[in-house]
PDB file of N, CA and C in Angstrom:
ATOM      1  N   UNK A   1     -12.809 -14.612  -9.126  1.00  0.00           N
ATOM      2  CA  UNK A   1     -12.625 -14.168  -7.764  1.00  0.00           C
ATOM      3  C   UNK A   1     -11.233 -14.522  -7.238  1.00  0.00           C
ATOM      4  N   UNK A   2     -10.770 -15.756  -7.465  1.00  0.00           N
ATOM      5  CA  UNK A   2      -9.463 -16.143  -6.942  1.00  0.00           C
ATOM      6  C   UNK A   2      -8.338 -15.393  -7.646  1.00  0.00           C
ATOM      7  N   UNK A   3      -8.531 -15.042  -8.902  1.00  0.00           N
ATOM      8  CA  UNK A   3      -7.524 -14.237  -9.591  1.00  0.00           C
ATOM      9  C   UNK A   3      -7.439 -12.846  -8.952  1.00  0.00           C
ATOM     10  N   UNK A   4      -8.570 -12.249  -8.642  1.00  0.00           N
ATOM     11  CA  UNK A   4      -8.584 -10.941  -7.991  1.00  0.00           C
ATOM     12  C   UNK A   4      -7.996 -11.029  -6.577  1.00  0.00           C
ATOM     13  N   UNK A   5      -8.276 -12.120  -5.867  1.00  0.00           N
ATOM     14  CA  UNK A   5      -7.712 -12.346  -4.539  1.00  0.00           C
ATOM     15  C   UNK A   5      -6.192 -12.427  -4.636  1.00  0.00           C
ATOM     16  N   UNK A   6      -5.691 -13.164  -5.622  1.00  0.00           N
ATOM     17  CA  UNK A   6      -4.253 -13.279  -5.834  1.00  0.00           C
ATOM     18  C   UNK A   6      -3.628 -11.929  -6.176  1.00  0.00           C
ATOM     19  N   UNK A   7      -4.306 -11.162  -7.005  1.00  0.00           N
ATOM     20  CA  UNK A   7      -3.803  -9.823  -7.358  1.00  0.00           C
ATOM     21  C   UNK A   7      -3.686  -8.947  -6.109  1.00  0.00           C
ATOM     22  N   UNK A   8      -4.655  -9.053  -5.204  1.00  0.00           N
ATOM     23  CA  UNK A   8      -4.607  -8.269  -3.958  1.00  0.00           C
ATOM     24  C   UNK A   8      -3.395  -8.669  -3.110  1.00  0.00           C
ATOM     25  N   UNK A   9      -3.078  -9.965  -3.074  1.00  0.00           N
ATOM     26  CA  UNK A   9      -1.874 -10.405  -2.356  1.00  0.00           C
ATOM     27  C   UNK A   9      -0.636  -9.733  -2.942  1.00  0.00           C
ATOM     28  N   UNK A  10      -0.542  -9.729  -4.275  1.00  0.00           N
ATOM     29  CA  UNK A  10       0.645  -9.172  -4.926  1.00  0.00           C
ATOM     30  C   UNK A  10       0.729  -7.656  -4.817  1.00  0.00           C
ATOM     31  N   UNK A  11      -0.395  -6.978  -4.601  1.00  0.00           N
ATOM     32  CA  UNK A  11      -0.400  -5.528  -4.357  1.00  0.00           C
ATOM     33  C   UNK A  11      -0.164  -5.214  -2.881  1.00  0.00           C
ATOM     34  N   UNK A  12      -0.181  -6.254  -2.041  1.00  0.00           N
ATOM     35  CA  UNK A  12      -0.060  -6.093  -0.583  1.00  0.00           C
ATOM     36  C   UNK A  12      -1.207  -5.222  -0.070  1.00  0.00           C
ATOM     37  N   UNK A  13      -2.403  -5.509  -0.529  1.00  0.00           N
ATOM     38  CA  UNK A  13      -3.602  -4.719  -0.240  1.00  0.00           C
ATOM     39  C   UNK A  13      -4.485  -5.469   0.760  1.00  0.00           C
ATOM     40  N   UNK A  14      -4.261  -5.223   2.043  1.00  0.00           N
ATOM     41  CA  UNK A  14      -4.955  -5.963   3.092  1.00  0.00           C
ATOM     42  C   UNK A  14      -6.464  -5.712   3.066  1.00  0.00           C
ATOM     43  N   UNK A  15      -6.889  -4.492   2.779  1.00  0.00           N
ATOM     44  CA  UNK A  15      -8.329  -4.215   2.744  1.00  0.00           C
ATOM     45  C   UNK A  15      -9.012  -4.995   1.625  1.00  0.00           C
ATOM     46  N   UNK A  16      -8.380  -5.039   0.467  1.00  0.00           N
ATOM     47  CA  UNK A  16      -8.946  -5.825  -0.642  1.00  0.00           C
ATOM     48  C   UNK A  16      -8.994  -7.304  -0.274  1.00  0.00           C
ATOM     49  N   UNK A  17      -7.926  -7.820   0.315  1.00  0.00           N
ATOM     50  CA  UNK A  17      -7.909  -9.233   0.716  1.00  0.00           C
ATOM     51  C   UNK A  17      -9.056  -9.559   1.654  1.00  0.00           C
ATOM     52  N   UNK A  18      -9.232  -8.739   2.649  1.00  0.00           N
ATOM     53  CA  UNK A  18     -10.261  -9.013   3.656  1.00  0.00           C
ATOM     54  C   UNK A  18     -11.663  -8.883   3.092  1.00  0.00           C
ATOM     55  N   UNK A  19     -11.834  -8.134   2.001  1.00  0.00           N
ATOM     56  CA  UNK A  19     -13.160  -8.017   1.383  1.00  0.00           C
ATOM     57  C   UNK A  19     -13.615  -9.341   0.781  1.00  0.00           C
ATOM     58  N   UNK A  20     -12.689 -10.264   0.558  1.00  0.00           N
ATOM     59  CA  UNK A  20     -13.019 -11.585   0.014  1.00  0.00           C
ATOM     60  C   UNK A  20     -13.349 -12.601   1.112  1.00  0.00           C
ATOM     61  N   UNK A  21     -13.032 -12.265   2.366  1.00  0.00           N
ATOM     62  CA  UNK A  21     -13.149 -13.220   3.466  1.00  0.00           C
ATOM     63  C   UNK A  21     -14.520 -13.129   4.147  1.00  0.00           C
ATOM     64  N   UNK A  22     -15.045 -14.269   4.575  1.00  0.00           N
ATOM     65  CA  UNK A  22     -16.324 -14.306   5.296  1.00  0.00           C
ATOM     66  C   UNK A  22     -16.132 -13.799   6.725  1.00  0.00           C
ATOM     67  N   UNK A  23     -17.241 -13.496   7.384  1.00  0.00           N
ATOM     68  CA  UNK A  23     -17.188 -13.007   8.766  1.00  0.00           C
ATOM     69  C   UNK A  23     -16.682 -14.063   9.745  1.00  0.00           C
ATOM     70  N   UNK A  24     -16.762 -15.328   9.357  1.00  0.00           N
ATOM     71  CA  UNK A  24     -16.291 -16.419  10.220  1.00  0.00           C
ATOM     72  C   UNK A  24     -15.101 -17.139   9.573  1.00  0.00           C
ATOM     73  N   UNK A  25     -14.225 -16.355   8.923  1.00  0.00           N
ATOM     74  CA  UNK A  25     -13.117 -16.917   8.152  1.00  0.00           C
ATOM     75  C   UNK A  25     -12.082 -17.613   9.039  1.00  0.00           C
ATOM     76  N   UNK A  26     -11.385 -18.557   8.387  1.00  0.00           N
ATOM     77  CA  UNK A  26     -10.304 -19.316   9.017  1.00  0.00           C
ATOM     78  C   UNK A  26      -9.136 -19.365   8.032  1.00  0.00           C
ATOM     79  N   UNK A  27      -7.933 -19.189   8.563  1.00  0.00           N
ATOM     80  CA  UNK A  27      -6.703 -19.289   7.782  1.00  0.00           C
ATOM     81  C   UNK A  27      -5.837 -20.360   8.437  1.00  0.00           C
ATOM     82  N   UNK A  28      -5.480 -21.376   7.661  1.00  0.00           N
ATOM     83  CA  UNK A  28      -4.582 -22.428   8.139  1.00  0.00           C
ATOM     84  C   UNK A  28      -3.249 -22.257   7.421  1.00  0.00           C
ATOM     85  N   UNK A  29      -2.213 -21.970   8.195  1.00  0.00           N
ATOM     86  CA  UNK A  29      -0.904 -21.647   7.641  1.00  0.00           C
ATOM     87  C   UNK A  29      -0.167 -22.901   7.175  1.00  0.00           C
ATOM     88  N   UNK A  30       0.918 -22.681   6.451  1.00  0.00           N
ATOM     89  CA  UNK A  30       1.709 -23.798   5.922  1.00  0.00           C
ATOM     90  C   UNK A  30       2.547 -24.471   7.001  1.00  0.00           C
ATOM     91  N   UNK A  31       2.830 -23.760   8.084  1.00  0.00           N
ATOM     92  CA  UNK A  31       3.682 -24.316   9.132  1.00  0.00           C
ATOM     93  C   UNK A  31       3.106 -23.972  10.500  1.00  0.00           C
ATOM     94  N   UNK A  32       3.495 -24.748  11.477  1.00  0.00           N
ATOM     95  CA  UNK A  32       3.054 -24.489  12.835  1.00  0.00           C
ATOM     96  C   UNK A  32       2.961 -25.766  13.631  1.00  0.00           C
ATOM     97  N   UNK A  33       2.557 -25.662  14.882  1.00  0.00           N
ATOM     98  CA  UNK A  33       2.586 -26.794  15.790  1.00  0.00           C
ATOM     99  C   UNK A  33       1.445 -27.796  15.610  1.00  0.00           C
ATOM    100  N   UNK A  34       0.412 -27.425  14.887  1.00  0.00           N
ATOM    101  CA  UNK A  34      -0.736 -28.311  14.712  1.00  0.00           C
ATOM    102  C   UNK A  34      -0.603 -29.083  13.398  1.00  0.00           C
ATOM    103  N   UNK A  35      -1.369 -30.150  13.249  1.00  0.00           N
ATOM    104  CA  UNK A  35      -1.358 -30.914  12.001  1.00  0.00           C
ATOM    105  C   UNK A  35      -1.735 -30.026  10.813  1.00  0.00           C
ATOM    106  N   UNK A  36      -2.576 -29.017  11.059  1.00  0.00           N
ATOM    107  CA  UNK A  36      -3.012 -28.099  10.000  1.00  0.00           C
ATOM    108  C   UNK A  36      -2.062 -26.912   9.838  1.00  0.00           C
ATOM    109  N   UNK A  37      -0.943 -26.885  10.530  1.00  0.00           N
ATOM    110  CA  UNK A  37      -0.052 -25.726  10.558  1.00  0.00           C
ATOM    111  C   UNK A  37      -0.395 -24.924  11.792  1.00  0.00           C
ATOM    112  N   UNK A  38      -0.930 -23.735  11.591  1.00  0.00           N
ATOM    113  CA  UNK A  38      -1.513 -22.933  12.670  1.00  0.00           C
ATOM    114  C   UNK A  38      -2.887 -22.501  12.188  1.00  0.00           C
ATOM    115  N   UNK A  39      -3.892 -22.707  13.014  1.00  0.00           N
ATOM    116  CA  UNK A  39      -5.269 -22.341  12.661  1.00  0.00           C
ATOM    117  C   UNK A  39      -5.582 -20.972  13.253  1.00  0.00           C
ATOM    118  N   UNK A  40      -5.897 -20.024  12.378  1.00  0.00           N
ATOM    119  CA  UNK A  40      -6.189 -18.653  12.779  1.00  0.00           C
ATOM    120  C   UNK A  40      -7.642 -18.374  12.418  1.00  0.00           C
ATOM    121  N   UNK A  41      -8.430 -17.954  13.394  1.00  0.00           N
ATOM    122  CA  UNK A  41      -9.872 -17.789  13.200  1.00  0.00           C
ATOM    123  C   UNK A  41     -10.307 -16.357  13.445  1.00  0.00           C
ATOM    124  N   UNK A  42     -11.240 -15.902  12.610  1.00  0.00           N
ATOM    125  CA  UNK A  42     -11.851 -14.592  12.767  1.00  0.00           C
ATOM    126  C   UNK A  42     -11.157 -13.528  11.944  1.00  0.00           C
ATOM    127  N   UNK A  43     -11.926 -12.540  11.486  1.00  0.00           N
ATOM    128  CA  UNK A  43     -11.387 -11.527  10.572  1.00  0.00           C
ATOM    129  C   UNK A  43     -10.195 -10.736  11.106  1.00  0.00           C
ATOM    130  N   UNK A  44     -10.209 -10.346  12.363  1.00  0.00           N
ATOM    131  CA  UNK A  44      -9.093  -9.541  12.885  1.00  0.00           C
ATOM    132  C   UNK A  44      -7.807 -10.354  12.958  1.00  0.00           C
ATOM    133  N   UNK A  45      -7.906 -11.578  13.447  1.00  0.00           N
ATOM    134  CA  UNK A  45      -6.719 -12.439  13.541  1.00  0.00           C
ATOM    135  C   UNK A  45      -6.205 -12.812  12.155  1.00  0.00           C
ATOM    136  N   UNK A  46      -7.104 -13.096  11.226  1.00  0.00           N
ATOM    137  CA  UNK A  46      -6.698 -13.431   9.854  1.00  0.00           C
ATOM    138  C   UNK A  46      -6.031 -12.216   9.208  1.00  0.00           C
ATOM    139  N   UNK A  47      -6.591 -11.045   9.407  1.00  0.00           N
ATOM    140  CA  UNK A  47      -6.010  -9.811   8.863  1.00  0.00           C
ATOM    141  C   UNK A  47      -4.569  -9.645   9.350  1.00  0.00           C
ATOM    142  N   UNK A  48      -4.343  -9.827  10.643  1.00  0.00           N
ATOM    143  CA  UNK A  48      -2.993  -9.701  11.201  1.00  0.00           C
ATOM    144  C   UNK A  48      -2.044 -10.742  10.604  1.00  0.00           C
ATOM    145  N   UNK A  49      -2.525 -11.969  10.450  1.00  0.00           N
ATOM    146  CA  UNK A  49      -1.682 -13.032   9.897  1.00  0.00           C
ATOM    147  C   UNK A  49      -1.334 -12.762   8.428  1.00  0.00           C
ATOM    148  N   UNK A  50      -2.317 -12.297   7.652  1.00  0.00           N
ATOM    149  CA  UNK A  50      -2.043 -11.972   6.248  1.00  0.00           C
ATOM    150  C   UNK A  50      -0.988 -10.863   6.166  1.00  0.00           C
ATOM    151  N   UNK A  51      -1.156  -9.807   6.938  1.00  0.00           N
ATOM    152  CA  UNK A  51      -0.219  -8.681   6.898  1.00  0.00           C
ATOM    153  C   UNK A  51       1.180  -9.098   7.348  1.00  0.00           C
ATOM    154  N   UNK A  52       1.265 -10.072   8.233  1.00  0.00           N
ATOM    155  CA  UNK A  52       2.564 -10.550   8.714  1.00  0.00           C
ATOM    156  C   UNK A  52       3.404 -11.153   7.590  1.00  0.00           C
ATOM    157  N   UNK A  53       2.764 -11.693   6.569  1.00  0.00           N
ATOM    158  CA  UNK A  53       3.499 -12.269   5.432  1.00  0.00           C
ATOM    159  C   UNK A  53       4.352 -11.197   4.754  1.00  0.00           C
ATOM    160  N   UNK A  54       3.797  -9.989   4.619  1.00  0.00           N
ATOM    161  CA  UNK A  54       4.543  -8.899   3.964  1.00  0.00           C
ATOM    162  C   UNK A  54       5.581  -8.299   4.891  1.00  0.00           C
ATOM    163  N   UNK A  55       5.363  -8.390   6.203  1.00  0.00           N
ATOM    164  CA  UNK A  55       6.370  -7.910   7.150  1.00  0.00           C
ATOM    165  C   UNK A  55       7.585  -8.838   7.120  1.00  0.00           C
ATOM    166  N   UNK A  56       7.330 -10.138   7.014  1.00  0.00           N
ATOM    167  CA  UNK A  56       8.421 -11.119   6.986  1.00  0.00           C
ATOM    168  C   UNK A  56       9.166 -11.095   5.656  1.00  0.00           C
ATOM    169  N   UNK A  57       8.438 -10.862   4.565  1.00  0.00           N
ATOM    170  CA  UNK A  57       9.026 -10.859   3.216  1.00  0.00           C
ATOM    171  C   UNK A  57       8.433  -9.654   2.472  1.00  0.00           C
ATOM    172  N   UNK A  58       9.057  -8.466   2.629  1.00  0.00           N
ATOM    173  CA  UNK A  58       8.462  -7.242   2.088  1.00  0.00           C
ATOM    174  C   UNK A  58       8.243  -7.235   0.570  1.00  0.00           C
ATOM    175  N   UNK A  59       9.015  -8.019  -0.174  1.00  0.00           N
ATOM    176  CA  UNK A  59       8.829  -8.069  -1.631  1.00  0.00           C
ATOM    177  C   UNK A  59       8.084  -9.337  -2.068  1.00  0.00           C
ATOM    178  N   UNK A  60       7.322  -9.920  -1.166  1.00  0.00           N
ATOM    179  CA  UNK A  60       6.595 -11.173  -1.446  1.00  0.00           C
ATOM    180  C   UNK A  60       5.685 -11.048  -2.662  1.00  0.00           C
ATOM    181  N   UNK A  61       5.725 -12.082  -3.504  1.00  0.00           N
ATOM    182  CA  UNK A  61       4.854 -12.178  -4.668  1.00  0.00           C
ATOM    183  C   UNK A  61       4.447 -13.636  -4.858  1.00  0.00           C
ATOM    184  N   UNK A  62       3.236 -13.820  -5.356  1.00  0.00           N
ATOM    185  CA  UNK A  62       2.709 -15.142  -5.694  1.00  0.00           C
ATOM    186  C   UNK A  62       2.470 -15.103  -7.185  1.00  0.00           C
ATOM    187  N   UNK A  63       3.332 -15.786  -7.961  1.00  0.00           N
ATOM    188  CA  UNK A  63       3.318 -15.644  -9.426  1.00  0.00           C
ATOM    189  C   UNK A  63       2.867 -16.934 -10.100  1.00  0.00           C
ATOM    190  N   UNK A  64       2.447 -16.793 -11.349  1.00  0.00           N
ATOM    191  CA  UNK A  64       2.054 -17.950 -12.156  1.00  0.00           C
ATOM    192  C   UNK A  64       0.798 -18.629 -11.667  1.00  0.00           C
ATOM    193  N   UNK A  65      -0.109 -17.869 -11.093  1.00  0.00           N
ATOM    194  CA  UNK A  65      -1.308 -18.447 -10.495  1.00  0.00           C
ATOM    195  C   UNK A  65      -2.193 -19.204 -11.478  1.00  0.00           C
ATOM    196  N   UNK A  66      -2.646 -20.366 -11.035  1.00  0.00           N
ATOM    197  CA  UNK A  66      -3.640 -21.165 -11.762  1.00  0.00           C
ATOM    198  C   UNK A  66      -4.761 -21.426 -10.769  1.00  0.00           C
ATOM    199  N   UNK A  67      -5.978 -21.028 -11.128  1.00  0.00           N
ATOM    200  CA  UNK A  67      -7.101 -21.053 -10.193  1.00  0.00           C
ATOM    201  C   UNK A  67      -8.207 -21.973 -10.700  1.00  0.00           C
ATOM    202  N   UNK A  68      -8.879 -22.623  -9.762  1.00  0.00           N
ATOM    203  CA  UNK A  68      -9.959 -23.561 -10.082  1.00  0.00           C
ATOM    204  C   UNK A  68     -11.042 -23.428  -9.026  1.00  0.00           C
ATOM    205  N   UNK A  69     -12.287 -23.336  -9.460  1.00  0.00           N
ATOM    206  CA  UNK A  69     -13.418 -23.263  -8.528  1.00  0.00           C
ATOM    207  C   UNK A  69     -14.500 -24.220  -9.002  1.00  0.00           C
ATOM    208  N   UNK A  70     -15.060 -24.965  -8.063  1.00  0.00           N
ATOM    209  CA  UNK A  70     -16.214 -25.827  -8.320  1.00  0.00           C
ATOM    210  C   UNK A  70     -17.121 -25.739  -7.106  1.00  0.00           C
ATOM    211  N   UNK A  71     -18.273 -25.128  -7.293  1.00  0.00           N
ATOM    212  CA  UNK A  71     -19.242 -24.948  -6.213  1.00  0.00           C
ATOM    213  C   UNK A  71     -18.593 -24.200  -5.044  1.00  0.00           C
ATOM    214  N   UNK A  72     -18.529 -24.802  -3.869  1.00  0.00           N
ATOM    215  CA  UNK A  72     -17.981 -24.137  -2.682  1.00  0.00           C
ATOM    216  C   UNK A  72     -16.550 -24.561  -2.375  1.00  0.00           C
ATOM    217  N   UNK A  73     -15.820 -24.970  -3.406  1.00  0.00           N
ATOM    218  CA  UNK A  73     -14.451 -25.454  -3.243  1.00  0.00           C
ATOM    219  C   UNK A  73     -13.583 -24.816  -4.325  1.00  0.00           C
ATOM    220  N   UNK A  74     -12.349 -24.473  -4.003  1.00  0.00           N
ATOM    221  CA  UNK A  74     -11.446 -23.920  -5.006  1.00  0.00           C
ATOM    222  C   UNK A  74      -9.995 -24.120  -4.634  1.00  0.00           C
ATOM    223  N   UNK A  75      -9.129 -23.934  -5.624  1.00  0.00           N
ATOM    224  CA  UNK A  75      -7.683 -24.009  -5.404  1.00  0.00           C
ATOM    225  C   UNK A  75      -6.996 -22.907  -6.198  1.00  0.00           C
ATOM    226  N   UNK A  76      -5.851 -22.492  -5.695  1.00  0.00           N
ATOM    227  CA  UNK A  76      -4.947 -21.596  -6.414  1.00  0.00           C
ATOM    228  C   UNK A  76      -3.547 -22.170  -6.283  1.00  0.00           C
ATOM    229  N   UNK A  77      -2.935 -22.475  -7.425  1.00  0.00           N
ATOM    230  CA  UNK A  77      -1.540 -22.919  -7.431  1.00  0.00           C
ATOM    231  C   UNK A  77      -0.689 -21.713  -7.789  1.00  0.00           C
ATOM    232  N   UNK A  78       0.513 -21.615  -7.207  1.00  0.00           N
ATOM    233  CA  UNK A  78       1.358 -20.458  -7.419  1.00  0.00           C
ATOM    234  C   UNK A  78       2.805 -20.793  -7.074  1.00  0.00           C
ATOM    235  N   UNK A  79       3.694 -19.883  -7.439  1.00  0.00           N
ATOM    236  CA  UNK A  79       5.084 -19.918  -6.983  1.00  0.00           C
ATOM    237  C   UNK A  79       5.298 -18.682  -6.128  1.00  0.00           C
ATOM    238  N   UNK A  80       5.713 -18.908  -4.886  1.00  0.00           N
ATOM    239  CA  UNK A  80       5.985 -17.821  -3.952  1.00  0.00           C
ATOM    240  C   UNK A  80       7.426 -17.378  -4.130  1.00  0.00           C
ATOM    241  N   UNK A  81       7.643 -16.069  -4.293  1.00  0.00           N
ATOM    242  CA  UNK A  81       8.985 -15.524  -4.435  1.00  0.00           C
ATOM    243  C   UNK A  81       9.157 -14.347  -3.481  1.00  0.00           C
ATOM    244  N   UNK A  82      10.389 -14.104  -3.103  1.00  0.00           N
ATOM    245  CA  UNK A  82      10.686 -12.960  -2.249  1.00  0.00           C
ATOM    246  C   UNK A  82      12.091 -13.066  -1.698  1.00  0.00           C
ATOM    247  N   UNK A  83      12.418 -12.108  -0.860  1.00  0.00           N
ATOM    248  CA  UNK A  83      13.741 -12.038  -0.250  1.00  0.00           C
ATOM    249  C   UNK A  83      13.595 -12.167   1.260  1.00  0.00           C
ATOM    250  N   UNK A  84      14.297 -13.132   1.842  1.00  0.00           N
ATOM    251  CA  UNK A  84      14.291 -13.324   3.296  1.00  0.00           C
ATOM    252  C   UNK A  84      15.116 -12.223   3.957  1.00  0.00           C
ATOM    253  N   UNK A  85      14.978 -12.091   5.261  1.00  0.00           N
ATOM    254  CA  UNK A  85      15.678 -11.024   5.988  1.00  0.00           C
ATOM    255  C   UNK A  85      17.200 -11.135   5.889  1.00  0.00           C
ATOM    256  N   UNK A  86      17.717 -12.351   5.657  1.00  0.00           N
ATOM    257  CA  UNK A  86      19.169 -12.521   5.518  1.00  0.00           C
ATOM    258  C   UNK A  86      19.659 -12.290   4.089  1.00  0.00           C
ATOM    259  N   UNK A  87      18.747 -11.888   3.200  1.00  0.00           N
ATOM    260  CA  UNK A  87      19.117 -11.621   1.813  1.00  0.00           C
ATOM    261  C   UNK A  87      18.962 -12.813   0.883  1.00  0.00           C
ATOM    262  N   UNK A  88      18.746 -13.992   1.435  1.00  0.00           N
ATOM    263  CA  UNK A  88      18.558 -15.157   0.574  1.00  0.00           C
ATOM    264  C   UNK A  88      17.223 -15.052  -0.159  1.00  0.00           C
ATOM    265  N   UNK A  89      17.142 -15.746  -1.283  1.00  0.00           N
ATOM    266  CA  UNK A  89      15.957 -15.681  -2.136  1.00  0.00           C
ATOM    267  C   UNK A  89      15.053 -16.883  -1.878  1.00  0.00           C
ATOM    268  N   UNK A  90      13.763 -16.599  -1.853  1.00  0.00           N
ATOM    269  CA  UNK A  90      12.744 -17.635  -1.685  1.00  0.00           C
ATOM    270  C   UNK A  90      12.080 -17.853  -3.038  1.00  0.00           C
ATOM    271  N   UNK A  91      11.983 -19.097  -3.437  1.00  0.00           N
ATOM    272  CA  UNK A  91      11.236 -19.464  -4.647  1.00  0.00           C
ATOM    273  C   UNK A  91      10.725 -20.881  -4.435  1.00  0.00           C
ATOM    274  N   UNK A  92       9.431 -21.002  -4.181  1.00  0.00           N
ATOM    275  CA  UNK A  92       8.869 -22.305  -3.870  1.00  0.00           C
ATOM    276  C   UNK A  92       7.420 -22.383  -4.323  1.00  0.00           C
ATOM    277  N   UNK A  93       7.011 -23.543  -4.764  1.00  0.00           N
ATOM    278  CA  UNK A  93       5.643 -23.747  -5.232  1.00  0.00           C
ATOM    279  C   UNK A  93       4.704 -24.036  -4.074  1.00  0.00           C
ATOM    280  N   UNK A  94       3.449 -23.690  -4.275  1.00  0.00           N
ATOM    281  CA  UNK A  94       2.450 -23.960  -3.260  1.00  0.00           C
ATOM    282  C   UNK A  94       1.050 -23.950  -3.835  1.00  0.00           C
ATOM    283  N   UNK A  95       0.113 -24.242  -2.961  1.00  0.00           N
ATOM    284  CA  UNK A  95      -1.292 -24.261  -3.343  1.00  0.00           C
ATOM    285  C   UNK A  95      -2.130 -23.818  -2.152  1.00  0.00           C
ATOM    286  N   UNK A  96      -3.149 -23.050  -2.431  1.00  0.00           N
ATOM    287  CA  UNK A  96      -4.176 -22.717  -1.448  1.00  0.00           C
ATOM    288  C   UNK A  96      -5.391 -23.561  -1.772  1.00  0.00           C
ATOM    289  N   UNK A  97      -5.997 -24.123  -0.755  1.00  0.00           N
ATOM    290  CA  UNK A  97      -7.247 -24.865  -0.895  1.00  0.00           C
ATOM    291  C   UNK A  97      -8.306 -24.049  -0.167  1.00  0.00           C
ATOM    292  N   UNK A  98      -9.374 -23.714  -0.869  1.00  0.00           N
ATOM    293  CA  UNK A  98     -10.400 -22.821  -0.337  1.00  0.00           C
ATOM    294  C   UNK A  98     -11.730 -23.529  -0.154  1.00  0.00           C
ATOM    295  N   UNK A  99     -12.456 -23.103   0.871  1.00  0.00           N
ATOM    296  CA  UNK A  99     -13.867 -23.424   1.041  1.00  0.00           C
ATOM    297  C   UNK A  99     -14.602 -22.091   1.052  1.00  0.00           C
ATOM    298  N   UNK A 100     -15.691 -22.003   0.296  1.00  0.00           N
ATOM    299  CA  UNK A 100     -16.468 -20.763   0.186  1.00  0.00           C
ATOM    300  C   UNK A 100     -17.791 -20.882   0.925  1.00  0.00           C
ATOM    301  N   UNK A 101     -18.262 -19.735   1.378  1.00  0.00           N
ATOM    302  CA  UNK A 101     -19.566 -19.651   2.025  1.00  0.00           C
ATOM    303  C   UNK A 101     -20.216 -18.347   1.577  1.00  0.00           C
ATOM    304  N   UNK A 102     -21.374 -18.450   0.952  1.00  0.00           N
ATOM    305  CA  UNK A 102     -22.108 -17.262   0.489  1.00  0.00           C
ATOM    306  C   UNK A 102     -21.243 -16.345  -0.366  1.00  0.00           C
ATOM    307  N   UNK A 103     -20.435 -16.939  -1.260  1.00  0.00           N
ATOM    308  CA  UNK A 103     -19.624 -16.160  -2.182  1.00  0.00           C
ATOM    309  C   UNK A 103     -18.358 -15.556  -1.602  1.00  0.00           C
ATOM    310  N   UNK A 104     -18.028 -15.904  -0.366  1.00  0.00           N
ATOM    311  CA  UNK A 104     -16.808 -15.396   0.280  1.00  0.00           C
ATOM    312  C   UNK A 104     -15.931 -16.574   0.697  1.00  0.00           C
ATOM    313  N   UNK A 105     -14.673 -16.290   0.990  1.00  0.00           N
ATOM    314  CA  UNK A 105     -13.745 -17.331   1.428  1.00  0.00           C
ATOM    315  C   UNK A 105     -13.949 -17.575   2.918  1.00  0.00           C
ATOM    316  N   UNK A 106     -14.355 -18.792   3.259  1.00  0.00           N
ATOM    317  CA  UNK A 106     -14.504 -19.195   4.667  1.00  0.00           C
ATOM    318  C   UNK A 106     -13.197 -19.786   5.180  1.00  0.00           C
ATOM    319  N   UNK A 107     -12.541 -20.622   4.361  1.00  0.00           N
ATOM    320  CA  UNK A 107     -11.289 -21.268   4.746  1.00  0.00           C
ATOM    321  C   UNK A 107     -10.244 -21.085   3.663  1.00  0.00           C
ATOM    322  N   UNK A 108      -9.070 -20.600   4.067  1.00  0.00           N
ATOM    323  CA  UNK A 108      -7.887 -20.548   3.207  1.00  0.00           C
ATOM    324  C   UNK A 108      -6.858 -21.454   3.865  1.00  0.00           C
ATOM    325  N   UNK A 109      -6.566 -22.571   3.223  1.00  0.00           N
ATOM    326  CA  UNK A 109      -5.670 -23.585   3.754  1.00  0.00           C
ATOM    327  C   UNK A 109      -4.446 -23.649   2.836  1.00  0.00           C
ATOM    328  N   UNK A 110      -3.274 -23.321   3.363  1.00  0.00           N
ATOM    329  CA  UNK A 110      -2.061 -23.182   2.557  1.00  0.00           C
ATOM    330  C   UNK A 110      -1.178 -24.420   2.657  1.00  0.00           C
ATOM    331  N   UNK A 111      -0.655 -24.837   1.514  1.00  0.00           N
ATOM    332  CA  UNK A 111       0.341 -25.912   1.437  1.00  0.00           C
ATOM    333  C   UNK A 111       1.480 -25.387   0.581  1.00  0.00           C
ATOM    334  N   UNK A 112       2.720 -25.470   1.103  1.00  0.00           N
ATOM    335  CA  UNK A 112       3.876 -24.947   0.386  1.00  0.00           C
ATOM    336  C   UNK A 112       5.014 -25.950   0.451  1.00  0.00           C
ATOM    337  N   UNK A 113       5.714 -26.119  -0.665  1.00  0.00           N
ATOM    338  CA  UNK A 113       6.877 -27.005  -0.712  1.00  0.00           C
ATOM    339  C   UNK A 113       7.957 -26.492   0.245  1.00  0.00           C
ATOM    340  N   UNK A 114       8.620 -27.405   0.917  1.00  0.00           N
ATOM    341  CA  UNK A 114       9.720 -27.059   1.825  1.00  0.00           C
ATOM    342  C   UNK A 114      11.006 -27.100   1.015  1.00  0.00           C
ATOM    343  N   UNK A 115      11.456 -25.936   0.597  1.00  0.00           N
ATOM    344  CA  UNK A 115      12.671 -25.836  -0.212  1.00  0.00           C
ATOM    345  C   UNK A 115      13.625 -24.863   0.467  1.00  0.00           C
ATOM    346  N   UNK A 116      14.899 -25.200   0.562  1.00  0.00           N
ATOM    347  CA  UNK A 116      15.864 -24.252   1.148  1.00  0.00           C
ATOM    348  C   UNK A 116      15.907 -22.964   0.321  1.00  0.00           C
ATOM    349  N   UNK A 117      16.142 -21.848   0.989  1.00  0.00           N
ATOM    350  CA  UNK A 117      16.277 -20.584   0.277  1.00  0.00           C
ATOM    351  C   UNK A 117      17.506 -20.624  -0.621  1.00  0.00           C
ATOM    352  N   UNK A 118      17.464 -19.836  -1.678  1.00  0.00           N
ATOM    353  CA  UNK A 118      18.567 -19.714  -2.625  1.00  0.00           C
ATOM    354  C   UNK A 118      19.560 -18.673  -2.101  1.00  0.00           C
ATOM    355  N   UNK A 119      20.821 -18.777  -2.470  1.00  0.00           N
ATOM    356  CA  UNK A 119      21.807 -17.799  -1.972  1.00  0.00           C
ATOM    357  C   UNK A 119      21.418 -16.363  -2.353  1.00  0.00           C
ATOM    358  N   UNK A 120      21.810 -15.434  -1.515  1.00  0.00           N
ATOM    359  CA  UNK A 120      21.557 -14.013  -1.786  1.00  0.00           C
ATOM    360  C   UNK A 120      22.289 -13.616  -3.052  1.00  0.00           C
ATOM    361  N   UNK A 121      21.674 -12.729  -3.819  1.00  0.00           N
ATOM    362  CA  UNK A 121      22.341 -12.197  -5.015  1.00  0.00           C
ATOM    363  C   UNK A 121      23.158 -10.986  -4.607  1.00  0.00           C
ATOM    364  N   UNK A 122      24.268 -10.808  -5.270  1.00  0.00           N
ATOM    365  CA  UNK A 122      25.157  -9.689  -4.911  1.00  0.00           C
ATOM    366  C   UNK A 122      24.990  -8.549  -5.850  1.00  0.00           C
TER     367      UNK A 122
END
């Protein structure tokens, strides 16, 4: 399931992504004003937040995924790559920590390394 979820991210397929999420889903971002980053609740708000990732980084990809699931808990490790709006390159490691409910993702909690962007390629 987490491999298919990751594939949907890399296809930028919002409908496929949301098919994995529970009706009471929560997304906790890597950054924001709260200790958890920013807590986004409910399918419509989560859908908007997921789609915003591709708006901010149109060539966003999560590569080298390693996935682990045990009962109602799972993780996905990956390297996030893409191009920032100023042309600089993003390449940073991260992990999603998941909680499942009835076979769907209830919580997607993101942790990403804070690494400066790489210079733009010419």
